[in-house]
Amino acid sequence: MKPIVALVLSFIVTAGSALADQNDYLSSDQFDSELAAAHRLVDEGMYTIALKKFEALATERLFEVPNYEPYYHIAYSHLQLGDVAKARENLRQFKCMLRVDSGVKKCSNATDYKNSTPSNIVKHQTDFSELQLCYETMCYGIYFSYYDEPTAASLKRIEEFWNDVHLLDDAISVAESKQSD
């Protein structure tokens, strides 16, 4: 009788733990709503508050997909607040995240990323050293199947982000040149 009670208790604890884990995720609807609210703050010129909201969103876990979109907006907000160095660094991390999301940059290279992608530096003008934030954000085992076969919609979203990245990269470069004058 005791083994059965232990088995039932084990099942209850495991089921409760799985339910608690599921509650640790932000739903896509909640995420989209919070992201839209942060965008409204940007539109109103409230960059400091928007930055805090984007930073908070970046810490949220999404179910079976990496949460990296806020880093683009963090970079943009830093630029608007005049912190060009933080804008550049967050954009650099975001570029790496895009490469991982598209499947071009592999999480298996995370341990030797400094030497693994010399052609990426040329193609995207990105130094891929010191990208712990990128790999910590993108390289959980639960995401690996997501990267194996990106959907057409995902690849289109990534392509659109690259267009935005190039524009933001140019704006950061202009701000950097103004700082050096």
N, C-alpha and C. Protein backbone atom coordinates (compact mmCIF):
# COMPACT_ATOMS: atom_id res chain seq x y z
N MET A 1 0.81 -1.20 0.00
CA MET A 1 0.00 0.00 0.00
C MET A 1 0.86 1.26 0.00
N LYS A 2 1.95 1.25 0.75
CA LYS A 2 2.80 2.42 0.83
C LYS A 2 3.42 2.80 -0.52
N PRO A 3 3.88 1.83 -1.32
CA PRO A 3 4.43 2.21 -2.62
C PRO A 3 3.40 2.92 -3.51
N ILE A 4 2.14 2.51 -3.42
CA ILE A 4 1.10 3.15 -4.22
C ILE A 4 0.89 4.58 -3.76
N VAL A 5 0.87 4.81 -2.44
CA VAL A 5 0.71 6.15 -1.90
C VAL A 5 1.88 7.03 -2.35
N ALA A 6 3.08 6.48 -2.30
CA ALA A 6 4.26 7.22 -2.73
C ALA A 6 4.17 7.56 -4.21
N LEU A 7 3.70 6.61 -5.01
CA LEU A 7 3.55 6.84 -6.44
C LEU A 7 2.52 7.93 -6.72
N VAL A 8 1.39 7.89 -6.02
CA VAL A 8 0.35 8.90 -6.19
C VAL A 8 0.86 10.27 -5.77
N LEU A 9 1.56 10.34 -4.64
CA LEU A 9 2.12 11.61 -4.18
C LEU A 9 3.15 12.14 -5.17
N SER A 10 3.95 11.24 -5.70
CA SER A 10 4.95 11.65 -6.69
C SER A 10 4.27 12.22 -7.93
N PHE A 11 3.18 11.58 -8.36
CA PHE A 11 2.44 12.06 -9.53
C PHE A 11 1.85 13.45 -9.26
N ILE A 12 1.29 13.63 -8.08
CA ILE A 12 0.68 14.92 -7.72
C ILE A 12 1.73 16.02 -7.69
N VAL A 13 2.88 15.73 -7.10
CA VAL A 13 3.96 16.72 -7.03
C VAL A 13 4.46 17.05 -8.44
N THR A 14 4.65 16.03 -9.28
CA THR A 14 5.12 16.25 -10.65
C THR A 14 4.10 17.05 -11.44
N ALA A 15 2.84 16.70 -11.35
CA ALA A 15 1.79 17.42 -12.08
C ALA A 15 1.71 18.86 -11.59
N GLY A 16 1.79 19.06 -10.29
CA GLY A 16 1.77 20.41 -9.73
C GLY A 16 2.96 21.23 -10.19
N SER A 17 4.12 20.58 -10.26
CA SER A 17 5.33 21.27 -10.72
C SER A 17 5.20 21.66 -12.19
N ALA A 18 4.66 20.77 -13.01
CA ALA A 18 4.47 21.07 -14.43
C ALA A 18 3.49 22.22 -14.60
N LEU A 19 2.43 22.23 -13.80
CA LEU A 19 1.45 23.31 -13.86
C LEU A 19 2.10 24.63 -13.43
N ALA A 20 2.91 24.58 -12.38
CA ALA A 20 3.60 25.79 -11.93
C ALA A 20 4.55 26.29 -13.02
N ASP A 21 5.26 25.36 -13.69
CA ASP A 21 6.17 25.75 -14.77
C ASP A 21 5.40 26.43 -15.90
N GLN A 22 4.23 25.91 -16.21
CA GLN A 22 3.43 26.48 -17.30
C GLN A 22 3.02 27.91 -16.95
N ASN A 23 2.77 28.17 -15.67
CA ASN A 23 2.39 29.51 -15.24
C ASN A 23 3.57 30.47 -15.25
N ASP A 24 4.80 29.97 -15.38
CA ASP A 24 5.98 30.82 -15.44
C ASP A 24 6.13 31.50 -16.80
N TYR A 25 5.34 31.10 -17.77
CA TYR A 25 5.43 31.65 -19.12
C TYR A 25 4.42 32.78 -19.30
N LEU A 26 4.83 33.78 -20.04
CA LEU A 26 3.92 34.85 -20.42
C LEU A 26 3.24 34.41 -21.71
N SER A 27 1.93 34.52 -21.77
CA SER A 27 1.22 34.11 -22.99
C SER A 27 1.58 35.07 -24.12
N SER A 28 1.43 34.60 -25.34
CA SER A 28 1.75 35.45 -26.49
C SER A 28 0.83 36.67 -26.53
N ASP A 29 -0.42 36.51 -26.11
CA ASP A 29 -1.33 37.65 -26.07
C ASP A 29 -0.88 38.69 -25.04
N GLN A 30 -0.47 38.21 -23.86
CA GLN A 30 0.03 39.12 -22.83
C GLN A 30 1.29 39.83 -23.31
N PHE A 31 2.18 39.07 -23.93
CA PHE A 31 3.43 39.64 -24.43
C PHE A 31 3.14 40.72 -25.48
N ASP A 32 2.28 40.40 -26.44
CA ASP A 32 1.93 41.36 -27.49
C ASP A 32 1.30 42.62 -26.90
N SER A 33 0.46 42.45 -25.90
CA SER A 33 -0.19 43.59 -25.25
C SER A 33 0.84 44.47 -24.53
N GLU A 34 1.75 43.84 -23.80
CA GLU A 34 2.80 44.58 -23.09
C GLU A 34 3.74 45.27 -24.07
N LEU A 35 4.07 44.60 -25.14
CA LEU A 35 4.94 45.18 -26.17
C LEU A 35 4.26 46.39 -26.82
N ALA A 36 2.98 46.27 -27.11
CA ALA A 36 2.23 47.39 -27.70
C ALA A 36 2.18 48.58 -26.74
N ALA A 37 2.02 48.30 -25.45
CA ALA A 37 2.00 49.38 -24.45
C ALA A 37 3.35 50.09 -24.41
N ALA A 38 4.43 49.33 -24.50
CA ALA A 38 5.76 49.93 -24.52
C ALA A 38 5.97 50.75 -25.79
N HIS A 39 5.46 50.28 -26.91
CA HIS A 39 5.55 51.04 -28.17
C HIS A 39 4.80 52.36 -28.08
N ARG A 40 3.65 52.34 -27.41
CA ARG A 40 2.91 53.59 -27.23
C ARG A 40 3.73 54.60 -26.43
N LEU A 41 4.46 54.12 -25.43
CA LEU A 41 5.32 55.00 -24.64
C LEU A 41 6.41 55.61 -25.52
N VAL A 42 6.97 54.81 -26.42
CA VAL A 42 7.98 55.32 -27.36
C VAL A 42 7.35 56.39 -28.25
N ASP A 43 6.16 56.10 -28.77
CA ASP A 43 5.47 57.05 -29.64
C ASP A 43 5.20 58.38 -28.93
N GLU A 44 5.02 58.31 -27.61
CA GLU A 44 4.76 59.51 -26.82
C GLU A 44 6.06 60.18 -26.35
N GLY A 45 7.21 59.60 -26.74
CA GLY A 45 8.49 60.17 -26.35
C GLY A 45 8.91 59.86 -24.92
N MET A 46 8.27 58.90 -24.31
CA MET A 46 8.56 58.53 -22.92
C MET A 46 9.57 57.37 -22.92
N TYR A 47 10.77 57.67 -23.38
CA TYR A 47 11.78 56.64 -23.62
C TYR A 47 12.28 55.97 -22.35
N THR A 48 12.40 56.71 -21.26
CA THR A 48 12.89 56.11 -20.01
C THR A 48 11.92 55.06 -19.50
N ILE A 49 10.64 55.39 -19.51
CA ILE A 49 9.63 54.44 -19.05
C ILE A 49 9.53 53.27 -20.03
N ALA A 50 9.57 53.57 -21.32
CA ALA A 50 9.52 52.51 -22.33
C ALA A 50 10.71 51.56 -22.17
N LEU A 51 11.90 52.13 -21.94
CA LEU A 51 13.09 51.30 -21.76
C LEU A 51 12.90 50.33 -20.60
N LYS A 52 12.39 50.82 -19.49
CA LYS A 52 12.16 49.94 -18.33
C LYS A 52 11.15 48.84 -18.67
N LYS A 53 10.15 49.19 -19.45
CA LYS A 53 9.14 48.20 -19.85
C LYS A 53 9.75 47.15 -20.79
N PHE A 54 10.56 47.62 -21.76
CA PHE A 54 11.22 46.68 -22.66
C PHE A 54 12.19 45.77 -21.90
N GLU A 55 12.93 46.34 -20.96
CA GLU A 55 13.86 45.53 -20.16
C GLU A 55 13.12 44.49 -19.34
N ALA A 56 11.98 44.87 -18.78
CA ALA A 56 11.18 43.90 -18.03
C ALA A 56 10.65 42.81 -18.96
N LEU A 57 10.20 43.20 -20.14
CA LEU A 57 9.69 42.21 -21.11
C LEU A 57 10.79 41.24 -21.53
N ALA A 58 12.02 41.72 -21.61
CA ALA A 58 13.14 40.86 -22.02
C ALA A 58 13.39 39.74 -21.01
N THR A 59 12.95 39.91 -19.78
CA THR A 59 13.17 38.88 -18.76
C THR A 59 12.06 37.84 -18.72
N GLU A 60 10.98 38.09 -19.45
CA GLU A 60 9.85 37.16 -19.45
C GLU A 60 10.15 35.92 -20.28
N ARG A 61 9.60 34.82 -19.86
CA ARG A 61 9.74 33.58 -20.62
C ARG A 61 8.49 33.38 -21.46
N LEU A 62 8.70 32.99 -22.71
CA LEU A 62 7.61 32.66 -23.61
C LEU A 62 7.63 31.16 -23.83
N PHE A 63 6.48 30.59 -24.14
CA PHE A 63 6.38 29.14 -24.27
C PHE A 63 7.01 28.65 -25.57
N GLU A 64 8.08 27.91 -25.45
CA GLU A 64 8.77 27.21 -26.54
C GLU A 64 9.31 28.10 -27.65
N VAL A 65 9.39 29.38 -27.43
CA VAL A 65 10.03 30.29 -28.39
C VAL A 65 10.92 31.25 -27.61
N PRO A 66 12.04 31.63 -28.18
CA PRO A 66 12.92 32.56 -27.49
C PRO A 66 12.31 33.96 -27.43
N ASN A 67 12.59 34.66 -26.38
CA ASN A 67 12.10 36.03 -26.21
C ASN A 67 13.27 36.97 -26.39
N TYR A 68 13.42 37.47 -27.60
CA TYR A 68 14.55 38.37 -27.84
C TYR A 68 14.15 39.69 -28.50
N GLU A 69 12.94 39.81 -29.00
CA GLU A 69 12.51 41.03 -29.67
C GLU A 69 12.72 42.29 -28.83
N PRO A 70 12.51 42.26 -27.51
CA PRO A 70 12.70 43.49 -26.74
C PRO A 70 14.10 44.09 -26.85
N TYR A 71 15.11 43.29 -27.17
CA TYR A 71 16.47 43.84 -27.22
C TYR A 71 16.65 44.86 -28.35
N TYR A 72 15.94 44.69 -29.44
CA TYR A 72 15.96 45.70 -30.49
C TYR A 72 15.42 47.02 -29.94
N HIS A 73 14.30 46.92 -29.23
CA HIS A 73 13.65 48.11 -28.70
C HIS A 73 14.44 48.73 -27.55
N ILE A 74 15.15 47.90 -26.82
CA ILE A 74 16.04 48.41 -25.78
C ILE A 74 17.14 49.24 -26.44
N ALA A 75 17.70 48.72 -27.52
CA ALA A 75 18.75 49.46 -28.25
C ALA A 75 18.20 50.78 -28.75
N TYR A 76 17.03 50.75 -29.35
CA TYR A 76 16.41 51.97 -29.88
C TYR A 76 16.17 52.99 -28.76
N SER A 77 15.65 52.52 -27.63
CA SER A 77 15.37 53.42 -26.52
C SER A 77 16.65 54.04 -25.97
N HIS A 78 17.70 53.24 -25.86
CA HIS A 78 18.98 53.79 -25.40
C HIS A 78 19.48 54.88 -26.35
N LEU A 79 19.32 54.64 -27.65
CA LEU A 79 19.74 55.65 -28.61
C LEU A 79 18.95 56.94 -28.41
N GLN A 80 17.65 56.82 -28.24
CA GLN A 80 16.82 58.00 -28.05
C GLN A 80 17.18 58.75 -26.76
N LEU A 81 17.67 58.02 -25.77
CA LEU A 81 18.07 58.63 -24.51
C LEU A 81 19.52 59.14 -24.54
N GLY A 82 20.20 58.93 -25.68
CA GLY A 82 21.56 59.45 -25.85
C GLY A 82 22.66 58.52 -25.35
N ASP A 83 22.32 57.31 -24.95
CA ASP A 83 23.33 56.36 -24.51
C ASP A 83 23.72 55.47 -25.70
N VAL A 84 24.59 56.02 -26.52
CA VAL A 84 24.96 55.38 -27.78
C VAL A 84 25.69 54.06 -27.55
N ALA A 85 26.54 53.99 -26.53
CA ALA A 85 27.28 52.75 -26.26
C ALA A 85 26.33 51.61 -25.90
N LYS A 86 25.34 51.88 -25.07
CA LYS A 86 24.37 50.83 -24.71
C LYS A 86 23.49 50.48 -25.90
N ALA A 87 23.18 51.47 -26.72
CA ALA A 87 22.40 51.19 -27.94
C ALA A 87 23.19 50.24 -28.84
N ARG A 88 24.46 50.53 -29.05
CA ARG A 88 25.32 49.71 -29.91
C ARG A 88 25.41 48.29 -29.36
N GLU A 89 25.64 48.17 -28.05
CA GLU A 89 25.82 46.83 -27.46
C GLU A 89 24.53 46.01 -27.55
N ASN A 90 23.40 46.60 -27.26
CA ASN A 90 22.14 45.85 -27.34
C ASN A 90 21.82 45.48 -28.78
N LEU A 91 22.13 46.35 -29.72
CA LEU A 91 21.91 46.01 -31.12
C LEU A 91 22.84 44.87 -31.54
N ARG A 92 24.07 44.88 -31.06
CA ARG A 92 25.02 43.80 -31.38
C ARG A 92 24.50 42.47 -30.86
N GLN A 93 23.98 42.46 -29.64
CA GLN A 93 23.42 41.23 -29.08
C GLN A 93 22.20 40.79 -29.90
N PHE A 94 21.37 41.75 -30.29
CA PHE A 94 20.17 41.44 -31.06
C PHE A 94 20.53 40.83 -32.41
N LYS A 95 21.58 41.33 -33.06
CA LYS A 95 22.02 40.76 -34.34
C LYS A 95 22.37 39.29 -34.18
N CYS A 96 23.07 38.98 -33.12
CA CYS A 96 23.42 37.58 -32.85
C CYS A 96 22.15 36.76 -32.65
N MET A 97 21.19 37.31 -31.91
CA MET A 97 19.94 36.60 -31.66
C MET A 97 19.18 36.33 -32.97
N LEU A 98 19.19 37.29 -33.88
CA LEU A 98 18.57 37.07 -35.19
C LEU A 98 19.24 35.92 -35.93
N ARG A 99 20.57 35.89 -35.86
CA ARG A 99 21.32 34.83 -36.56
C ARG A 99 20.97 33.46 -35.97
N VAL A 100 20.83 33.38 -34.64
CA VAL A 100 20.45 32.12 -34.01
C VAL A 100 19.02 31.75 -34.42
N ASP A 101 18.13 32.72 -34.37
CA ASP A 101 16.73 32.45 -34.69
C ASP A 101 16.57 31.95 -36.12
N SER A 102 17.36 32.47 -37.04
CA SER A 102 17.25 32.03 -38.44
C SER A 102 17.90 30.68 -38.67
N GLY A 103 18.63 30.17 -37.70
CA GLY A 103 19.30 28.88 -37.84
C GLY A 103 20.68 28.98 -38.43
N VAL A 104 21.11 30.17 -38.78
CA VAL A 104 22.45 30.35 -39.36
C VAL A 104 23.51 30.23 -38.27
N LYS A 105 23.25 30.81 -37.14
CA LYS A 105 24.18 30.73 -36.00
C LYS A 105 23.68 29.63 -35.10
N LYS A 106 24.51 28.67 -34.80
CA LYS A 106 24.10 27.49 -34.05
C LYS A 106 24.45 27.63 -32.57
N CYS A 107 23.56 27.19 -31.73
CA CYS A 107 23.82 27.21 -30.30
C CYS A 107 24.99 26.29 -29.94
N SER A 108 25.23 25.29 -30.75
CA SER A 108 26.35 24.39 -30.48
C SER A 108 27.68 25.11 -30.58
N ASN A 109 27.70 26.27 -31.25
CA ASN A 109 28.92 27.06 -31.35
C ASN A 109 29.08 28.04 -30.21
N ALA A 110 28.17 28.03 -29.27
CA ALA A 110 28.19 29.02 -28.20
C ALA A 110 29.47 28.98 -27.38
N THR A 111 30.08 27.82 -27.27
CA THR A 111 31.29 27.75 -26.45
C THR A 111 32.51 28.31 -27.15
N ASP A 112 32.54 28.30 -28.47
CA ASP A 112 33.70 28.88 -29.16
C ASP A 112 33.26 29.90 -30.21
N TYR A 113 32.28 30.73 -29.82
CA TYR A 113 31.74 31.69 -30.77
C TYR A 113 32.77 32.71 -31.25
N LYS A 114 33.81 32.94 -30.49
CA LYS A 114 34.82 33.92 -30.91
C LYS A 114 35.50 33.48 -32.21
N ASN A 115 35.62 32.18 -32.41
CA ASN A 115 36.33 31.66 -33.58
C ASN A 115 35.42 31.00 -34.60
N SER A 116 34.13 30.87 -34.30
CA SER A 116 33.29 30.02 -35.13
C SER A 116 32.68 30.71 -36.35
N THR A 117 32.68 32.03 -36.40
CA THR A 117 31.92 32.67 -37.47
C THR A 117 32.65 33.86 -38.11
N PRO A 118 33.84 33.68 -38.62
CA PRO A 118 34.53 34.84 -39.21
C PRO A 118 33.78 35.44 -40.40
N SER A 119 33.07 34.63 -41.17
CA SER A 119 32.34 35.18 -42.32
C SER A 119 31.14 36.01 -41.87
N ASN A 120 30.58 35.71 -40.69
CA ASN A 120 29.45 36.49 -40.19
C ASN A 120 29.85 37.92 -39.89
N ILE A 121 31.08 38.10 -39.43
CA ILE A 121 31.56 39.45 -39.12
C ILE A 121 31.54 40.30 -40.38
N VAL A 122 32.00 39.74 -41.48
CA VAL A 122 32.04 40.47 -42.74
C VAL A 122 30.63 40.71 -43.26
N LYS A 123 29.79 39.67 -43.28
CA LYS A 123 28.46 39.79 -43.87
C LYS A 123 27.58 40.79 -43.12
N HIS A 124 27.62 40.78 -41.81
CA HIS A 124 26.72 41.63 -41.04
C HIS A 124 27.45 42.68 -40.22
N GLN A 125 28.73 42.92 -40.51
CA GLN A 125 29.54 43.90 -39.79
C GLN A 125 29.34 43.78 -38.28
N THR A 126 29.41 42.58 -37.79
CA THR A 126 29.17 42.33 -36.38
C THR A 126 30.31 41.53 -35.79
N ASP A 127 30.83 42.02 -34.68
CA ASP A 127 31.83 41.29 -33.91
C ASP A 127 31.06 40.32 -33.02
N PHE A 128 31.25 39.03 -33.21
CA PHE A 128 30.48 38.04 -32.46
C PHE A 128 31.18 37.57 -31.19
N SER A 129 32.15 38.33 -30.69
CA SER A 129 32.76 37.98 -29.41
C SER A 129 31.93 38.55 -28.27
N GLU A 130 32.10 37.95 -27.11
CA GLU A 130 31.43 38.40 -25.88
C GLU A 130 29.92 38.52 -26.05
N LEU A 131 29.30 37.46 -26.50
CA LEU A 131 27.86 37.47 -26.74
C LEU A 131 27.11 36.55 -25.76
N GLN A 132 27.51 36.59 -24.50
CA GLN A 132 26.86 35.74 -23.51
C GLN A 132 25.36 36.00 -23.44
N LEU A 133 24.95 37.26 -23.50
CA LEU A 133 23.53 37.58 -23.43
C LEU A 133 22.77 36.91 -24.57
N CYS A 134 23.33 36.96 -25.76
CA CYS A 134 22.71 36.32 -26.92
C CYS A 134 22.50 34.83 -26.65
N TYR A 135 23.55 34.16 -26.25
CA TYR A 135 23.45 32.71 -26.07
C TYR A 135 22.60 32.34 -24.88
N GLU A 136 22.65 33.13 -23.80
CA GLU A 136 21.80 32.85 -22.64
C GLU A 136 20.33 33.02 -23.01
N THR A 137 20.03 33.97 -23.87
CA THR A 137 18.65 34.23 -24.28
C THR A 137 18.15 33.17 -25.26
N MET A 138 19.00 32.74 -26.16
CA MET A 138 18.56 31.93 -27.29
C MET A 138 18.80 30.43 -27.14
N CYS A 139 19.70 30.01 -26.31
CA CYS A 139 20.17 28.62 -26.36
C CYS A 139 19.70 27.75 -25.21
N TYR A 140 18.40 27.63 -25.08
CA TYR A 140 17.81 26.65 -24.17
C TYR A 140 17.40 25.45 -25.02
N GLY A 141 17.56 24.27 -24.48
CA GLY A 141 17.23 23.05 -25.21
C GLY A 141 15.83 23.03 -25.77
N ILE A 142 14.89 23.65 -25.06
CA ILE A 142 13.50 23.64 -25.51
C ILE A 142 13.32 24.36 -26.85
N TYR A 143 14.26 25.26 -27.20
CA TYR A 143 14.15 26.02 -28.45
C TYR A 143 14.78 25.33 -29.65
N PHE A 144 15.59 24.31 -29.44
CA PHE A 144 16.39 23.75 -30.53
C PHE A 144 15.53 23.26 -31.69
N SER A 145 14.40 22.61 -31.40
CA SER A 145 13.55 22.15 -32.50
C SER A 145 12.93 23.33 -33.24
N TYR A 146 12.71 24.42 -32.54
CA TYR A 146 12.18 25.65 -33.17
C TYR A 146 13.15 26.17 -34.22
N TYR A 147 14.46 26.05 -33.96
CA TYR A 147 15.47 26.54 -34.89
C TYR A 147 15.72 25.60 -36.06
N ASP A 148 15.45 24.32 -35.88
CA ASP A 148 15.77 23.33 -36.91
C ASP A 148 15.11 23.64 -38.25
N GLU A 149 13.86 23.99 -38.22
CA GLU A 149 13.12 24.27 -39.45
C GLU A 149 12.29 25.53 -39.27
N PRO A 150 12.94 26.70 -39.44
CA PRO A 150 12.17 27.95 -39.29
C PRO A 150 11.05 28.03 -40.32
N THR A 151 9.92 28.53 -39.88
CA THR A 151 8.78 28.67 -40.79
C THR A 151 9.01 29.86 -41.72
N ALA A 152 8.25 29.90 -42.80
CA ALA A 152 8.35 31.03 -43.73
C ALA A 152 8.00 32.34 -43.03
N ALA A 153 7.00 32.30 -42.15
CA ALA A 153 6.61 33.50 -41.41
C ALA A 153 7.73 33.96 -40.49
N SER A 154 8.38 33.02 -39.85
CA SER A 154 9.50 33.36 -38.97
C SER A 154 10.66 33.98 -39.76
N LEU A 155 10.98 33.38 -40.89
CA LEU A 155 12.07 33.92 -41.72
C LEU A 155 11.73 35.30 -42.27
N LYS A 156 10.46 35.52 -42.59
CA LYS A 156 10.03 36.84 -43.07
C LYS A 156 10.18 37.88 -41.96
N ARG A 157 9.77 37.50 -40.74
CA ARG A 157 9.89 38.40 -39.58
C ARG A 157 11.35 38.73 -39.34
N ILE A 158 12.22 37.74 -39.44
CA ILE A 158 13.66 37.94 -39.25
C ILE A 158 14.19 38.90 -40.31
N GLU A 159 13.77 38.70 -41.56
CA GLU A 159 14.21 39.58 -42.65
C GLU A 159 13.76 41.02 -42.40
N GLU A 160 12.53 41.19 -41.94
CA GLU A 160 12.04 42.53 -41.62
C GLU A 160 12.85 43.16 -40.49
N PHE A 161 13.20 42.34 -39.50
CA PHE A 161 14.03 42.85 -38.42
C PHE A 161 15.40 43.29 -38.94
N TRP A 162 15.98 42.53 -39.89
CA TRP A 162 17.27 42.92 -40.44
C TRP A 162 17.18 44.29 -41.11
N ASN A 163 16.06 44.56 -41.78
CA ASN A 163 15.88 45.89 -42.37
C ASN A 163 15.88 46.96 -41.29
N ASP A 164 15.15 46.72 -40.20
CA ASP A 164 15.12 47.66 -39.08
C ASP A 164 16.50 47.79 -38.43
N VAL A 165 17.20 46.67 -38.33
CA VAL A 165 18.53 46.68 -37.72
C VAL A 165 19.47 47.58 -38.52
N HIS A 166 19.42 47.47 -39.83
CA HIS A 166 20.30 48.30 -40.65
C HIS A 166 20.00 49.79 -40.47
N LEU A 167 18.73 50.14 -40.37
CA LEU A 167 18.36 51.53 -40.14
C LEU A 167 18.84 52.01 -38.77
N LEU A 168 18.64 51.18 -37.75
CA LEU A 168 19.08 51.56 -36.40
C LEU A 168 20.60 51.62 -36.33
N ASP A 169 21.25 50.69 -36.99
CA ASP A 169 22.71 50.68 -37.04
C ASP A 169 23.24 51.99 -37.64
N ASP A 170 22.60 52.44 -38.72
CA ASP A 170 22.98 53.71 -39.35
C ASP A 170 22.76 54.88 -38.40
N ALA A 171 21.63 54.88 -37.69
CA ALA A 171 21.33 55.97 -36.75
C ALA A 171 22.34 55.99 -35.60
N ILE A 172 22.74 54.82 -35.14
CA ILE A 172 23.74 54.74 -34.08
C ILE A 172 25.08 55.25 -34.60
N SER A 173 25.44 54.90 -35.81
CA SER A 173 26.69 55.37 -36.41
C SER A 173 26.71 56.90 -36.52
N VAL A 174 25.58 57.48 -36.90
CA VAL A 174 25.49 58.94 -36.98
C VAL A 174 25.67 59.55 -35.58
N ALA A 175 25.02 58.97 -34.59
CA ALA A 175 25.15 59.47 -33.22
C ALA A 175 26.59 59.33 -32.72
N GLU A 176 27.23 58.22 -33.07
CA GLU A 176 28.64 58.03 -32.67
C GLU A 176 29.54 59.08 -33.31
N SER A 177 29.29 59.37 -34.58
CA SER A 177 30.13 60.36 -35.26
C SER A 177 29.91 61.76 -34.68
N LYS A 178 28.69 62.05 -34.27
CA LYS A 178 28.43 63.35 -33.63
C LYS A 178 29.13 63.45 -32.28
N GLN A 179 29.21 62.31 -31.56
CA GLN A 179 29.90 62.31 -30.27
C GLN A 179 31.39 62.53 -30.43
N SER A 180 31.95 62.04 -31.52
CA SER A 180 33.40 62.14 -31.72
C SER A 180 33.80 63.51 -32.26
N ASP A 181 32.83 64.29 -32.74
CA ASP A 181 33.14 65.64 -33.26
C ASP A 181 33.45 66.61 -32.14
